[in-house]
Amino acid sequence: MTTQNLQLKNNKMKFMKTKLLIFLLFTTFIYSQEYELGKVTIAQLEEKYHPKDTSAVAAILFEKGKTSFNYEEMNGFSTTTEVLVKIKIYKKEGFEWANRKIRHYIDGKKETVSFSKGVTYNLVNGEIEKTKLKSSGEFTEKINNFWSETKIVMPNVKEGSIIEYAYIIKSPFISNFPEWSFQKNIPVNHSEYTTLIPEYFVYNTFTKGFSNIKVTRNSDNRKMPYSYSYVDASRAGTAKSERVTTELQFVENSTNYIAEDVPALKEESFVNNIDNYSSSILHELSMTKYPNSPTKSYSSDWESVVKTIYDNEDFGGQLNKANFYEEDLNALLKDITTTEDKIITIFSYIKNRLNWNGYVGYYSDKGLKKAYQEKTGNTADINLLLVSMLNYAKLNASPILLSTRSNGIPIFPSRNGFNYVIAGVELSNGSVVLLDATNKNAVPNIIPENALNWFGRIVRKNGTSEMVDLYPKKVSLETISILAELKSDGSISGKQRKQLTDYNAFRFRRRHANRNHDDYVQELEKEHNFSAVENYEVTNTNDLSKPIVETYSFSSNSMTDIIDSKIYITPMLFHQMDVNPFKAEERAYPIDFNFPSKDTYNFSIKIPEGYVVESKPETLNLNMNQNMVSFRYSVSENLGTIQLSCVIEVNSPIIESDYYPHLKELFNQIVLKQNEKIVLVKK
């Protein structure tokens, strides 16, 4: 981000050095009567539910924003974004909408955020009661050395409240405007955004989502006073700097975006980040066209973005500093020679020595030396240190920049498109080993799921970079075996063995690492309505190179129905899928399973003496579009024992929305088949 200066040529004066054109833009943000703060009616407060979405916990009555330009002689151009918001709270679950937080950059040149006009309105005894936001309800929290977050907590919020507030973001960084989102996960009655851009700036605009947005463009001639200082060369040695005030004519381009009655963005199963599909608009500076100056292009590609990041002292500048760990690492690698063993040894050492402090970022916060000594740091401290050590061990290691799922999918090249860094080791066969040492349970090529976000970009020290597919290629397995015995009274007892590999094992370790053993057993009993769970055991929780193996014995009186002396039992026992996770009629965005998987169920159920199988589910094999997803199900009976085999495979972690109808129907068939019953009758 750089400050731009206007250069003026005065035909009557000779300048000794370049003068800044001082350019002040004064605009009035005119709001219609309908969309003003400070006006709330009794009818609005009495409204019990949203007229077009009765399930809504809250709704945005209006959100109106404007981004305009300012100019300061010493600092150059900056942007000011002003926003007015009014929200109706319908239910307690909507109270979170009474809070607002805005992130802003603070390294070097700083962005600022200020809130004002915060009021909560309630209806009390037929009268409108106003509670103003006090200074104690506004907080600014430093996230790391680069970002802070300013937030408000509105007072006296109840069901039926209406809240309103205004805020202003001032930014010296004109390369990108704040993203304007027309769609939220609550209804939006009216969303409006206006940009006022001098003719000297050209922006590319990027829209996403599926809402209908009305766009109106206008251009107006403007006259603005400006001042500049100069020294007359003819009076050199005696002359003093003088200021001149004159008038500048220019064209101001105005664009107004309006969206009305925008429906809530509904969460659905297997979505990467629902905000990626919210209707919104982004701006990227394309070029500047200053008077009497050549046109300058600012649009960048990913190569130039990553070069800027790599050249920063807190990124690439940290990677060659090894003197503080050399002695420790030399001792660690003394008898290790193979590439695989070096990777495992260094990766394990960093994971065990350093603790992640919860902060994400691609710039080192403390510096690698301090992080190493203090044994804690942000993602960059830990993973850049990992890259440095791997390179010291003569491995071809580089940082990989990426955007986490919560940060979204980058729409266009910008430094804000990345917010995370991991390590990558390029092998001689062309593959890349992905490493993230922030999680104690991670192993090579198992990075936290929040980092599994399409592609990252590997940044090499020779200046080259390229995209890296972050999605795992190896299938994660869940294999469940059950040996059970069914009694004539409908009770059943048995033993289950579950084996988990790769991401399934990673998830298990993350969820259960610190869980109390007895509490978990009670949860199992409650979840599956067991009479009892006994002999619970789990192995390999700490040996990350091996699968998780969980075993326990169970008994239950609730897995069967007895009607007219017939026993009805679902052969999946307590593992059937009861509900199709895909409920929507249509889907506009991809299905994201995170990683390829294979779930295998092999059950053996001994039937009671004196009973035979009257009917059982038919075999079913389904395969969707060249094995993207497949389902195999069979039930057989032999010598008084029921044998079940069920396999669900997801071979494509990302499935485009075009295939959604087929996927939904496949899962419908899975639910139906897994819930079919075996009928046992007496001989």
Foldseek 3Di string as FASTA:
>chain_A
DAADFFFDDDPVFDFPDTKGWAFADDDDDDDDPVPDPPDDDPVLLPDQADPVDRVFQKEWAEKEKEKEWGQDRVQHIKIKMKMKTKMWGNHPVCLVVQKDKDKWWCAPFTKDKDKDPKWKWHQDPNDIDIDHFDPVQWDWAAQFNTMIMIMGHHPDDDRSMMIMMMMMIMGSDPQKDPKFFPAAQAKYAKYKYKYKAWPQWDKDKDKAADFDKDKDKDKDKDKTKIKIWGWGPVCPPPTDIDMDIDIDITIIMMMMIMGGGGHGQDDAAQDLASVLRTTIMMIGTAWGHHPPDDIDGDADAQLVQVVVVCPDCQAVVQQQDDPLCVVVLCVQCVPPDDLVVSLQSLLLVLLVQAEEPPRWFQGWRPGLNVRNVVRYGHQNSRASVSQSSSVVVVFQKFKWWADFSVLYQDPGDDNSNTTHIHMWTQDPVGDIWTGGSNDNLDDILQDPLRRQDAWIKTAGPVSDIDIDGSADQDAKEKEKEWEKEAALLGKMKTKMKIWTDRVRQSVCLVVPVPPDPVVVQVVVCVLLVWPGKPPWDWPDSPVSVGIIMIMIMTMHNPQWDADPSKIKGQQCRRPADQDQSGDDPADQFKRAQSHKYKYKYKYKYAYYPQKDWPDDFDWDWDAPDPRQKIWTWDWDDDPRIIIIIIMITHNDRIGGRVCVVVVSVVSVVRNVRSPHIIMMHGD
